Amino acid sequence: MAYLVDQTSNARYCPVFDWVGEPYYFRDMPHETPPGTQLAVEGFPRTLKIKSAHKAIPDFFLLPGKYAVSSSARDILEDLEPGKHQFIPVVLCRKNGELFEGDHFVLHVCSAVDAIVPEQSEVYAITTASGRQSLRLAKVRPSLAVQKNKLKDRHFWTGNKSFNINFFCSDEFFKRAKSAKLKGFDFTPIREV
């Protein structure tokens, strides 16, 4: 079974951060690379300061512009798909300037495939500003079907032409994340056809 991966809606695991200094990297948007390719990290900001009252950081959470993972989540991904994804180290600061414990990384998923079966899924078509046709999820926890033969040995991926703002994972990643009691993930099962 495959899964749609989201950040949990549980506020306990949704810290809010701001980049320290000028986040020109995101304003100029060089981070918008084609799905499945590595980011250019020159000029990538590395320090963030928390705005919310969170005292602990989950294993998967949203930063302004990108998602981040703990070293525990990174280790599982690296074990399943060594060298496949990009992990950019970041420093997370408390309001008083002290650092949060542990290592944290911006996650850039470098595996992209369009495997969702539109006719068997709750999706809708859009036309982007550039005139490209794309598909998006029709609701927060949609019923989805995925073509198993397109997944091959993938364990964590994004869409290519459609669903490139979404993450998906294998049953193996799901099992390991649950076994390790990783916090911050929300998994929606996807039928494999």
N, C-alpha and C. Protein backbone atom coordinates (compact mmCIF):
# COMPACT_ATOMS: atom_id res chain seq x y z
N MET A 1 0.84 -1.18 0.00
CA MET A 1 0.00 0.00 0.00
C MET A 1 0.88 1.24 0.00
N ALA A 2 0.44 2.27 -0.68
CA ALA A 2 1.13 3.56 -0.68
C ALA A 2 0.33 4.53 0.19
N TYR A 3 0.94 5.68 0.48
CA TYR A 3 0.30 6.67 1.34
C TYR A 3 0.57 8.08 0.81
N LEU A 4 -0.43 8.94 0.96
CA LEU A 4 -0.26 10.37 0.80
C LEU A 4 0.30 10.87 2.12
N VAL A 5 1.33 11.71 2.08
CA VAL A 5 1.99 12.20 3.28
C VAL A 5 1.72 13.70 3.43
N ASP A 6 1.21 14.07 4.59
CA ASP A 6 0.98 15.47 4.92
C ASP A 6 1.54 15.76 6.30
N GLN A 7 1.63 17.05 6.61
CA GLN A 7 1.92 17.44 7.98
C GLN A 7 0.63 17.27 8.77
N THR A 8 0.73 16.75 9.97
CA THR A 8 -0.45 16.59 10.80
C THR A 8 -1.15 17.92 11.04
N SER A 9 -2.44 17.87 11.27
CA SER A 9 -3.18 19.08 11.61
C SER A 9 -3.18 19.33 13.12
N ASN A 10 -2.59 18.41 13.88
CA ASN A 10 -2.49 18.56 15.33
C ASN A 10 -1.52 19.70 15.64
N ALA A 11 -2.04 20.80 16.19
CA ALA A 11 -1.23 22.00 16.44
C ALA A 11 -0.01 21.71 17.32
N ARG A 12 -0.08 20.66 18.11
CA ARG A 12 1.04 20.29 18.98
C ARG A 12 2.31 20.01 18.18
N TYR A 13 2.13 19.57 16.92
CA TYR A 13 3.27 19.21 16.08
C TYR A 13 3.43 20.15 14.89
N CYS A 14 2.97 21.38 15.02
CA CYS A 14 3.05 22.36 13.93
C CYS A 14 3.73 23.64 14.39
N PRO A 15 5.03 23.58 14.68
CA PRO A 15 5.72 24.81 15.09
C PRO A 15 5.75 25.82 13.94
N VAL A 16 5.86 27.08 14.30
CA VAL A 16 5.92 28.16 13.31
C VAL A 16 7.28 28.84 13.42
N PHE A 17 8.00 28.89 12.31
CA PHE A 17 9.32 29.49 12.28
C PHE A 17 9.38 30.61 11.25
N ASP A 18 10.34 31.50 11.43
CA ASP A 18 10.70 32.51 10.42
C ASP A 18 12.18 32.37 10.12
N TRP A 19 12.55 32.61 8.87
CA TRP A 19 13.96 32.63 8.51
C TRP A 19 14.62 33.83 9.17
N VAL A 20 15.84 33.66 9.63
CA VAL A 20 16.61 34.76 10.23
C VAL A 20 17.37 35.45 9.11
N GLY A 21 17.31 36.77 9.09
CA GLY A 21 17.97 37.52 8.03
C GLY A 21 17.06 37.65 6.82
N GLU A 22 17.60 37.98 5.71
CA GLU A 22 16.83 38.19 4.48
C GLU A 22 16.65 36.87 3.73
N PRO A 23 15.42 36.36 3.66
CA PRO A 23 15.20 35.09 2.95
C PRO A 23 15.07 35.30 1.44
N TYR A 24 16.04 36.01 0.87
CA TYR A 24 15.98 36.34 -0.56
C TYR A 24 15.95 35.09 -1.42
N TYR A 25 16.48 34.00 -0.91
CA TYR A 25 16.48 32.75 -1.67
C TYR A 25 15.06 32.40 -2.10
N PHE A 26 14.11 32.55 -1.20
CA PHE A 26 12.73 32.19 -1.49
C PHE A 26 12.01 33.30 -2.25
N ARG A 27 12.38 34.54 -2.03
CA ARG A 27 11.75 35.64 -2.76
C ARG A 27 12.10 35.56 -4.25
N ASP A 28 13.35 35.24 -4.55
CA ASP A 28 13.79 35.15 -5.93
C ASP A 28 13.43 33.80 -6.56
N MET A 29 13.04 32.83 -5.74
CA MET A 29 12.51 31.53 -6.14
C MET A 29 13.43 30.67 -7.01
N PRO A 30 14.74 30.65 -6.76
CA PRO A 30 15.58 29.69 -7.50
C PRO A 30 15.36 28.27 -6.99
N HIS A 31 14.62 28.14 -5.86
CA HIS A 31 14.35 26.82 -5.31
C HIS A 31 13.30 26.08 -6.11
N GLU A 32 12.65 26.73 -7.05
CA GLU A 32 11.63 26.06 -7.85
C GLU A 32 12.29 25.33 -9.01
N THR A 33 12.94 24.25 -8.65
CA THR A 33 13.59 23.41 -9.65
C THR A 33 12.61 22.35 -10.11
N PRO A 34 12.82 21.78 -11.26
CA PRO A 34 11.91 20.72 -11.73
C PRO A 34 11.86 19.58 -10.71
N PRO A 35 10.70 18.95 -10.55
CA PRO A 35 10.60 17.84 -9.60
C PRO A 35 11.63 16.76 -9.91
N GLY A 36 12.17 16.19 -8.86
CA GLY A 36 13.13 15.10 -9.01
C GLY A 36 14.57 15.54 -9.19
N THR A 37 14.85 16.85 -9.18
CA THR A 37 16.23 17.32 -9.33
C THR A 37 16.68 18.03 -8.05
N GLN A 38 17.98 18.10 -7.86
CA GLN A 38 18.53 18.72 -6.65
C GLN A 38 18.41 20.23 -6.69
N LEU A 39 18.30 20.82 -5.50
CA LEU A 39 18.28 22.27 -5.36
C LEU A 39 19.70 22.82 -5.44
N ALA A 40 19.83 24.03 -5.97
CA ALA A 40 21.08 24.76 -5.85
C ALA A 40 21.06 25.37 -4.45
N VAL A 41 22.07 25.09 -3.65
CA VAL A 41 22.03 25.54 -2.26
C VAL A 41 22.82 26.81 -1.99
N GLU A 42 23.45 27.37 -3.01
CA GLU A 42 24.16 28.63 -2.80
C GLU A 42 23.15 29.70 -2.41
N GLY A 43 23.41 30.35 -1.29
CA GLY A 43 22.51 31.39 -0.81
C GLY A 43 21.32 30.86 -0.02
N PHE A 44 21.22 29.54 0.12
CA PHE A 44 20.10 28.97 0.87
C PHE A 44 20.22 29.38 2.33
N PRO A 45 19.16 29.97 2.90
CA PRO A 45 19.24 30.37 4.32
C PRO A 45 19.36 29.15 5.22
N ARG A 46 20.04 29.30 6.34
CA ARG A 46 20.29 28.13 7.19
C ARG A 46 19.77 28.28 8.62
N THR A 47 19.30 29.46 9.03
CA THR A 47 18.89 29.68 10.41
C THR A 47 17.45 30.14 10.48
N LEU A 48 16.71 29.54 11.42
CA LEU A 48 15.32 29.92 11.64
C LEU A 48 15.09 30.15 13.12
N LYS A 49 14.13 31.03 13.42
CA LYS A 49 13.77 31.32 14.81
C LYS A 49 12.29 31.03 14.99
N ILE A 50 11.97 30.36 16.08
CA ILE A 50 10.58 29.97 16.32
C ILE A 50 9.73 31.18 16.68
N LYS A 51 8.50 31.19 16.19
CA LYS A 51 7.52 32.24 16.53
C LYS A 51 6.46 31.70 17.48
N SER A 52 6.19 30.41 17.40
CA SER A 52 5.16 29.79 18.23
C SER A 52 5.72 29.42 19.60
N ALA A 53 4.86 28.91 20.46
CA ALA A 53 5.27 28.57 21.83
C ALA A 53 5.76 27.12 21.98
N HIS A 54 6.03 26.45 20.88
CA HIS A 54 6.45 25.04 20.94
C HIS A 54 7.79 24.89 21.67
N LYS A 55 7.84 23.88 22.54
CA LYS A 55 9.07 23.58 23.28
C LYS A 55 9.84 22.42 22.66
N ALA A 56 9.14 21.63 21.85
CA ALA A 56 9.76 20.48 21.19
C ALA A 56 9.44 20.53 19.70
N ILE A 57 10.32 19.93 18.91
CA ILE A 57 10.18 19.95 17.45
C ILE A 57 9.83 18.54 16.97
N PRO A 58 8.80 18.41 16.10
CA PRO A 58 8.45 17.09 15.59
C PRO A 58 9.47 16.61 14.55
N ASP A 59 9.19 15.45 13.99
CA ASP A 59 10.10 14.85 13.01
C ASP A 59 9.81 15.28 11.58
N PHE A 60 8.64 15.89 11.36
CA PHE A 60 8.23 16.37 10.03
C PHE A 60 7.39 17.61 10.24
N PHE A 61 7.81 18.74 9.64
CA PHE A 61 7.08 19.99 9.87
C PHE A 61 7.37 20.96 8.73
N LEU A 62 6.49 21.94 8.62
CA LEU A 62 6.58 22.92 7.55
C LEU A 62 7.36 24.14 8.01
N LEU A 63 8.29 24.55 7.18
CA LEU A 63 9.00 25.82 7.34
C LEU A 63 8.48 26.75 6.26
N PRO A 64 8.72 28.05 6.36
CA PRO A 64 8.32 28.92 5.24
C PRO A 64 9.06 28.52 3.96
N GLY A 65 8.34 27.99 3.00
CA GLY A 65 8.93 27.63 1.71
C GLY A 65 9.27 26.17 1.51
N LYS A 66 9.50 25.41 2.58
CA LYS A 66 9.92 24.01 2.44
C LYS A 66 9.51 23.20 3.68
N TYR A 67 9.54 21.87 3.54
CA TYR A 67 9.33 21.00 4.69
C TYR A 67 10.68 20.64 5.30
N ALA A 68 10.65 20.27 6.57
CA ALA A 68 11.86 19.88 7.27
C ALA A 68 11.63 18.56 8.00
N VAL A 69 12.74 17.87 8.26
CA VAL A 69 12.70 16.60 8.98
C VAL A 69 13.78 16.58 10.06
N SER A 70 13.56 15.71 11.04
CA SER A 70 14.56 15.46 12.07
C SER A 70 15.60 14.47 11.53
N SER A 71 16.65 14.28 12.29
CA SER A 71 17.65 13.29 11.88
C SER A 71 17.07 11.88 11.91
N SER A 72 16.09 11.63 12.76
CA SER A 72 15.45 10.31 12.81
C SER A 72 14.72 10.01 11.51
N ALA A 73 13.95 10.97 11.01
CA ALA A 73 13.24 10.79 9.74
C ALA A 73 14.24 10.69 8.59
N ARG A 74 15.26 11.53 8.62
CA ARG A 74 16.29 11.48 7.57
C ARG A 74 16.97 10.12 7.53
N ASP A 75 17.27 9.56 8.70
CA ASP A 75 17.96 8.27 8.76
C ASP A 75 17.12 7.16 8.13
N ILE A 76 15.81 7.18 8.36
CA ILE A 76 14.94 6.17 7.74
C ILE A 76 14.93 6.33 6.23
N LEU A 77 14.80 7.57 5.76
CA LEU A 77 14.81 7.81 4.31
C LEU A 77 16.14 7.40 3.69
N GLU A 78 17.22 7.72 4.35
CA GLU A 78 18.55 7.36 3.83
C GLU A 78 18.76 5.85 3.82
N ASP A 79 18.21 5.16 4.82
CA ASP A 79 18.34 3.71 4.86
C ASP A 79 17.56 3.06 3.71
N LEU A 80 16.38 3.61 3.42
CA LEU A 80 15.54 3.06 2.36
C LEU A 80 16.01 3.47 0.96
N GLU A 81 16.46 4.71 0.83
CA GLU A 81 16.87 5.25 -0.48
C GLU A 81 18.16 6.04 -0.31
N PRO A 82 19.29 5.36 -0.15
CA PRO A 82 20.55 6.05 0.11
C PRO A 82 20.92 7.04 -1.00
N GLY A 83 21.22 8.28 -0.59
CA GLY A 83 21.68 9.30 -1.52
C GLY A 83 20.63 9.81 -2.48
N LYS A 84 19.38 9.41 -2.33
CA LYS A 84 18.33 9.78 -3.28
C LYS A 84 17.81 11.20 -3.07
N HIS A 85 17.61 11.59 -1.81
CA HIS A 85 17.00 12.88 -1.51
C HIS A 85 18.03 13.86 -0.98
N GLN A 86 17.66 15.11 -0.96
CA GLN A 86 18.56 16.16 -0.51
C GLN A 86 18.13 16.62 0.88
N PHE A 87 19.09 16.68 1.80
CA PHE A 87 18.85 17.11 3.17
C PHE A 87 19.77 18.29 3.45
N ILE A 88 19.20 19.47 3.61
CA ILE A 88 19.99 20.68 3.81
C ILE A 88 19.93 21.04 5.30
N PRO A 89 21.07 20.99 6.00
CA PRO A 89 21.05 21.26 7.44
C PRO A 89 20.61 22.69 7.74
N VAL A 90 19.77 22.82 8.76
CA VAL A 90 19.33 24.13 9.23
C VAL A 90 19.47 24.19 10.74
N VAL A 91 19.59 25.40 11.25
CA VAL A 91 19.71 25.66 12.68
C VAL A 91 18.38 26.25 13.15
N LEU A 92 17.79 25.63 14.18
CA LEU A 92 16.52 26.09 14.71
C LEU A 92 16.75 26.73 16.08
N CYS A 93 16.35 28.00 16.20
CA CYS A 93 16.58 28.75 17.43
C CYS A 93 15.28 28.96 18.21
N ARG A 94 15.41 28.95 19.52
CA ARG A 94 14.29 29.30 20.39
C ARG A 94 14.15 30.82 20.40
N LYS A 95 13.07 31.32 21.01
CA LYS A 95 12.84 32.77 21.06
C LYS A 95 13.97 33.50 21.76
N ASN A 96 14.60 32.85 22.76
CA ASN A 96 15.69 33.49 23.50
C ASN A 96 17.04 33.33 22.80
N GLY A 97 17.05 32.72 21.63
CA GLY A 97 18.28 32.55 20.86
C GLY A 97 18.98 31.22 21.08
N GLU A 98 18.61 30.47 22.12
CA GLU A 98 19.20 29.15 22.33
C GLU A 98 18.76 28.21 21.22
N LEU A 99 19.58 27.19 20.95
CA LEU A 99 19.28 26.26 19.88
C LEU A 99 18.40 25.11 20.37
N PHE A 100 17.51 24.64 19.49
CA PHE A 100 16.78 23.42 19.77
C PHE A 100 17.74 22.25 19.68
N GLU A 101 17.47 21.22 20.48
CA GLU A 101 18.30 20.03 20.48
C GLU A 101 18.09 19.26 19.17
N GLY A 102 19.10 18.50 18.80
CA GLY A 102 19.00 17.62 17.63
C GLY A 102 19.34 18.31 16.33
N ASP A 103 19.45 17.48 15.29
CA ASP A 103 19.75 17.98 13.95
C ASP A 103 18.47 18.01 13.14
N HIS A 104 18.33 19.05 12.32
CA HIS A 104 17.15 19.23 11.48
C HIS A 104 17.60 19.61 10.07
N PHE A 105 16.79 19.20 9.11
CA PHE A 105 17.16 19.36 7.71
C PHE A 105 15.96 19.78 6.88
N VAL A 106 16.18 20.70 5.95
CA VAL A 106 15.18 20.94 4.92
C VAL A 106 15.18 19.70 4.04
N LEU A 107 14.00 19.17 3.76
CA LEU A 107 13.87 17.99 2.93
C LEU A 107 13.50 18.41 1.51
N HIS A 108 14.32 18.00 0.56
CA HIS A 108 13.99 18.20 -0.85
C HIS A 108 13.93 16.81 -1.48
N VAL A 109 12.72 16.39 -1.83
CA VAL A 109 12.50 15.06 -2.38
C VAL A 109 12.95 15.03 -3.84
N CYS A 110 13.84 14.10 -4.16
CA CYS A 110 14.43 14.03 -5.50
C CYS A 110 13.96 12.79 -6.27
N SER A 111 12.76 12.35 -5.99
CA SER A 111 12.15 11.25 -6.73
C SER A 111 10.77 11.73 -7.15
N ALA A 112 10.54 11.77 -8.46
CA ALA A 112 9.27 12.30 -8.97
C ALA A 112 8.67 11.36 -10.00
N VAL A 113 7.38 11.05 -9.82
CA VAL A 113 6.68 10.20 -10.77
C VAL A 113 5.19 10.52 -10.69
N ASP A 114 4.53 10.57 -11.83
CA ASP A 114 3.08 10.72 -11.85
C ASP A 114 2.47 9.33 -11.90
N ALA A 115 1.98 8.86 -10.76
CA ALA A 115 1.44 7.50 -10.66
C ALA A 115 -0.03 7.47 -10.26
N ILE A 116 -0.60 8.61 -9.91
CA ILE A 116 -2.02 8.65 -9.51
C ILE A 116 -2.89 8.34 -10.73
N VAL A 117 -3.91 7.50 -10.53
CA VAL A 117 -4.88 7.15 -11.58
C VAL A 117 -6.06 8.12 -11.44
N PRO A 118 -6.14 9.14 -12.29
CA PRO A 118 -7.17 10.18 -12.12
C PRO A 118 -8.59 9.64 -12.12
N GLU A 119 -8.88 8.66 -12.97
CA GLU A 119 -10.25 8.14 -13.09
C GLU A 119 -10.70 7.42 -11.83
N GLN A 120 -9.77 7.01 -10.99
CA GLN A 120 -10.11 6.29 -9.76
C GLN A 120 -9.76 7.09 -8.51
N SER A 121 -9.58 8.40 -8.68
CA SER A 121 -9.13 9.24 -7.58
C SER A 121 -9.95 10.52 -7.49
N GLU A 122 -10.00 11.08 -6.28
CA GLU A 122 -10.69 12.35 -6.06
C GLU A 122 -9.72 13.50 -6.36
N VAL A 123 -9.66 13.86 -7.63
CA VAL A 123 -8.76 14.90 -8.12
C VAL A 123 -9.52 15.79 -9.10
N TYR A 124 -8.94 16.94 -9.40
CA TYR A 124 -9.52 17.82 -10.41
C TYR A 124 -8.40 18.43 -11.26
N ALA A 125 -8.77 18.83 -12.47
CA ALA A 125 -7.79 19.39 -13.41
C ALA A 125 -7.73 20.91 -13.25
N ILE A 126 -6.54 21.46 -13.44
CA ILE A 126 -6.34 22.91 -13.47
C ILE A 126 -5.45 23.25 -14.66
N THR A 127 -5.45 24.49 -15.01
CA THR A 127 -4.51 25.02 -15.99
C THR A 127 -3.64 26.03 -15.25
N THR A 128 -2.34 25.82 -15.26
CA THR A 128 -1.43 26.71 -14.55
C THR A 128 -1.31 28.04 -15.29
N ALA A 129 -0.67 29.00 -14.65
CA ALA A 129 -0.48 30.32 -15.26
C ALA A 129 0.30 30.23 -16.56
N SER A 130 1.14 29.21 -16.68
CA SER A 130 1.93 29.03 -17.90
C SER A 130 1.17 28.25 -18.98
N GLY A 131 -0.08 27.86 -18.66
CA GLY A 131 -0.90 27.15 -19.63
C GLY A 131 -0.77 25.64 -19.59
N ARG A 132 -0.01 25.12 -18.63
CA ARG A 132 0.19 23.67 -18.50
C ARG A 132 -1.00 23.04 -17.76
N GLN A 133 -1.43 21.88 -18.23
CA GLN A 133 -2.49 21.13 -17.56
C GLN A 133 -1.90 20.35 -16.39
N SER A 134 -2.59 20.36 -15.27
CA SER A 134 -2.12 19.65 -14.09
C SER A 134 -3.32 19.14 -13.30
N LEU A 135 -3.06 18.24 -12.37
CA LEU A 135 -4.09 17.71 -11.49
C LEU A 135 -3.77 18.10 -10.05
N ARG A 136 -4.81 18.28 -9.24
CA ARG A 136 -4.67 18.59 -7.82
C ARG A 136 -5.63 17.72 -7.03
N LEU A 137 -5.35 17.57 -5.75
CA LEU A 137 -6.22 16.80 -4.87
C LEU A 137 -7.52 17.55 -4.66
N ALA A 138 -8.65 16.84 -4.68
CA ALA A 138 -9.97 17.46 -4.57
C ALA A 138 -10.36 17.79 -3.14
N LYS A 139 -9.74 17.14 -2.16
CA LYS A 139 -10.03 17.45 -0.76
C LYS A 139 -8.85 17.05 0.11
N VAL A 140 -8.96 17.32 1.40
CA VAL A 140 -7.83 17.11 2.31
C VAL A 140 -7.44 15.65 2.42
N ARG A 141 -8.38 14.75 2.62
CA ARG A 141 -8.09 13.32 2.72
C ARG A 141 -8.82 12.59 1.59
N PRO A 142 -8.31 12.73 0.37
CA PRO A 142 -9.00 12.17 -0.79
C PRO A 142 -8.85 10.66 -0.90
N SER A 143 -9.76 10.06 -1.61
CA SER A 143 -9.62 8.66 -2.01
C SER A 143 -8.77 8.65 -3.27
N LEU A 144 -7.65 7.93 -3.22
CA LEU A 144 -6.71 7.93 -4.34
C LEU A 144 -6.35 6.50 -4.74
N ALA A 145 -6.01 6.35 -6.01
CA ALA A 145 -5.47 5.10 -6.53
C ALA A 145 -4.17 5.42 -7.24
N VAL A 146 -3.20 4.53 -7.11
CA VAL A 146 -1.89 4.74 -7.71
C VAL A 146 -1.50 3.49 -8.51
N GLN A 147 -0.80 3.72 -9.62
CA GLN A 147 -0.33 2.61 -10.46
C GLN A 147 0.91 2.00 -9.82
N LYS A 148 0.74 0.83 -9.29
CA LYS A 148 1.82 0.15 -8.56
C LYS A 148 3.06 -0.04 -9.44
N ASN A 149 2.87 -0.36 -10.71
CA ASN A 149 4.02 -0.63 -11.59
C ASN A 149 4.90 0.61 -11.82
N LYS A 150 4.37 1.81 -11.58
CA LYS A 150 5.17 3.03 -11.75
C LYS A 150 6.03 3.34 -10.52
N LEU A 151 5.71 2.70 -9.40
CA LEU A 151 6.42 3.03 -8.16
C LEU A 151 7.76 2.33 -8.04
N LYS A 152 7.87 1.14 -8.61
CA LYS A 152 9.11 0.35 -8.57
C LYS A 152 9.64 0.27 -7.14
N ASP A 153 10.86 0.73 -6.90
CA ASP A 153 11.45 0.66 -5.56
C ASP A 153 11.40 1.99 -4.83
N ARG A 154 10.46 2.84 -5.18
CA ARG A 154 10.37 4.14 -4.52
C ARG A 154 9.80 3.99 -3.11
N HIS A 155 10.33 4.82 -2.21
CA HIS A 155 9.82 4.83 -0.83
C HIS A 155 9.29 6.20 -0.42
N PHE A 156 9.75 7.25 -1.07
CA PHE A 156 9.26 8.61 -0.78
C PHE A 156 9.39 9.40 -2.07
N TRP A 157 8.30 9.99 -2.54
CA TRP A 157 8.33 10.67 -3.82
C TRP A 157 7.32 11.80 -3.87
N THR A 158 7.44 12.58 -4.92
CA THR A 158 6.49 13.63 -5.24
C THR A 158 5.99 13.38 -6.66
N GLY A 159 4.97 14.13 -7.06
CA GLY A 159 4.51 14.01 -8.43
C GLY A 159 5.47 14.71 -9.38
N ASN A 160 5.30 14.46 -10.65
CA ASN A 160 6.15 15.09 -11.65
C ASN A 160 5.42 16.27 -12.27
N LYS A 161 4.53 16.02 -13.22
CA LYS A 161 3.76 17.12 -13.82
C LYS A 161 2.56 17.51 -12.96
N SER A 162 1.97 16.54 -12.28
CA SER A 162 0.87 16.79 -11.36
C SER A 162 1.29 16.35 -9.96
N PHE A 163 0.68 16.92 -8.96
CA PHE A 163 0.92 16.57 -7.56
C PHE A 163 2.36 16.81 -7.12
N ASN A 164 3.02 17.78 -7.76
CA ASN A 164 4.41 18.04 -7.40
C ASN A 164 4.54 18.90 -6.15
N ILE A 165 3.42 19.24 -5.52
CA ILE A 165 3.47 19.90 -4.22
C ILE A 165 3.08 18.92 -3.11
N ASN A 166 2.86 17.66 -3.49
CA ASN A 166 2.46 16.63 -2.54
C ASN A 166 3.57 15.60 -2.36
N PHE A 167 3.55 14.92 -1.21
CA PHE A 167 4.48 13.83 -0.95
C PHE A 167 3.70 12.53 -0.83
N PHE A 168 4.36 11.44 -1.21
CA PHE A 168 3.80 10.10 -1.13
C PHE A 168 4.88 9.17 -0.58
N CYS A 169 4.44 8.06 0.04
CA CYS A 169 5.44 7.12 0.56
C CYS A 169 4.97 5.69 0.41
N SER A 170 5.91 4.79 0.56
CA SER A 170 5.65 3.35 0.49
C SER A 170 5.15 2.85 1.84
N ASP A 171 4.64 1.63 1.81
CA ASP A 171 4.22 0.96 3.03
C ASP A 171 5.42 0.76 3.96
N GLU A 172 6.58 0.50 3.39
CA GLU A 172 7.78 0.29 4.21
C GLU A 172 8.16 1.55 4.98
N PHE A 173 8.13 2.72 4.31
CA PHE A 173 8.43 3.95 5.03
C PHE A 173 7.38 4.19 6.11
N PHE A 174 6.11 3.98 5.79
CA PHE A 174 5.02 4.14 6.75
C PHE A 174 5.28 3.27 7.99
N LYS A 175 5.60 2.00 7.78
CA LYS A 175 5.84 1.07 8.90
C LYS A 175 7.01 1.53 9.76
N ARG A 176 8.09 1.96 9.11
CA ARG A 176 9.27 2.40 9.88
C ARG A 176 8.99 3.69 10.64
N ALA A 177 8.26 4.61 10.02
CA ALA A 177 7.91 5.87 10.70
C ALA A 177 7.04 5.59 11.92
N LYS A 178 6.08 4.67 11.78
CA LYS A 178 5.22 4.30 12.91
C LYS A 178 6.01 3.59 13.99
N SER A 179 6.88 2.67 13.60
CA SER A 179 7.69 1.91 14.55
C SER A 179 8.61 2.85 15.35
N ALA A 180 9.16 3.85 14.67
CA ALA A 180 10.05 4.82 15.32
C ALA A 180 9.27 5.90 16.08
N LYS A 181 7.94 5.87 15.97
CA LYS A 181 7.06 6.85 16.62
C LYS A 181 7.40 8.28 16.22
N LEU A 182 7.65 8.46 14.90
CA LEU A 182 7.95 9.79 14.39
C LEU A 182 6.71 10.67 14.52
N LYS A 183 6.91 11.91 14.90
CA LYS A 183 5.83 12.86 15.13
C LYS A 183 5.74 13.84 13.96
N GLY A 184 4.51 14.28 13.68
CA GLY A 184 4.29 15.32 12.68
C GLY A 184 3.77 14.83 11.36
N PHE A 185 3.82 13.52 11.11
CA PHE A 185 3.34 12.95 9.85
C PHE A 185 1.86 12.64 9.94
N ASP A 186 1.15 12.83 8.82
CA ASP A 186 -0.23 12.37 8.67
C ASP A 186 -0.25 11.54 7.38
N PHE A 187 -0.69 10.30 7.48
CA PHE A 187 -0.67 9.38 6.35
C PHE A 187 -2.10 9.04 5.94
N THR A 188 -2.39 9.19 4.63
CA THR A 188 -3.67 8.79 4.06
C THR A 188 -3.42 7.61 3.13
N PRO A 189 -4.05 6.45 3.40
CA PRO A 189 -3.80 5.27 2.55
C PRO A 189 -4.25 5.51 1.09
N ILE A 190 -3.48 4.92 0.18
CA ILE A 190 -3.78 4.99 -1.26
C ILE A 190 -3.87 3.56 -1.79
N ARG A 191 -4.91 3.28 -2.56
CA ARG A 191 -5.05 1.97 -3.18
C ARG A 191 -4.00 1.82 -4.30
N GLU A 192 -3.40 0.65 -4.39
CA GLU A 192 -2.48 0.35 -5.49
C GLU A 192 -3.22 -0.51 -6.49
N VAL A 193 -3.17 -0.12 -7.75
CA VAL A 193 -3.87 -0.86 -8.81
C VAL A 193 -2.89 -1.25 -9.91
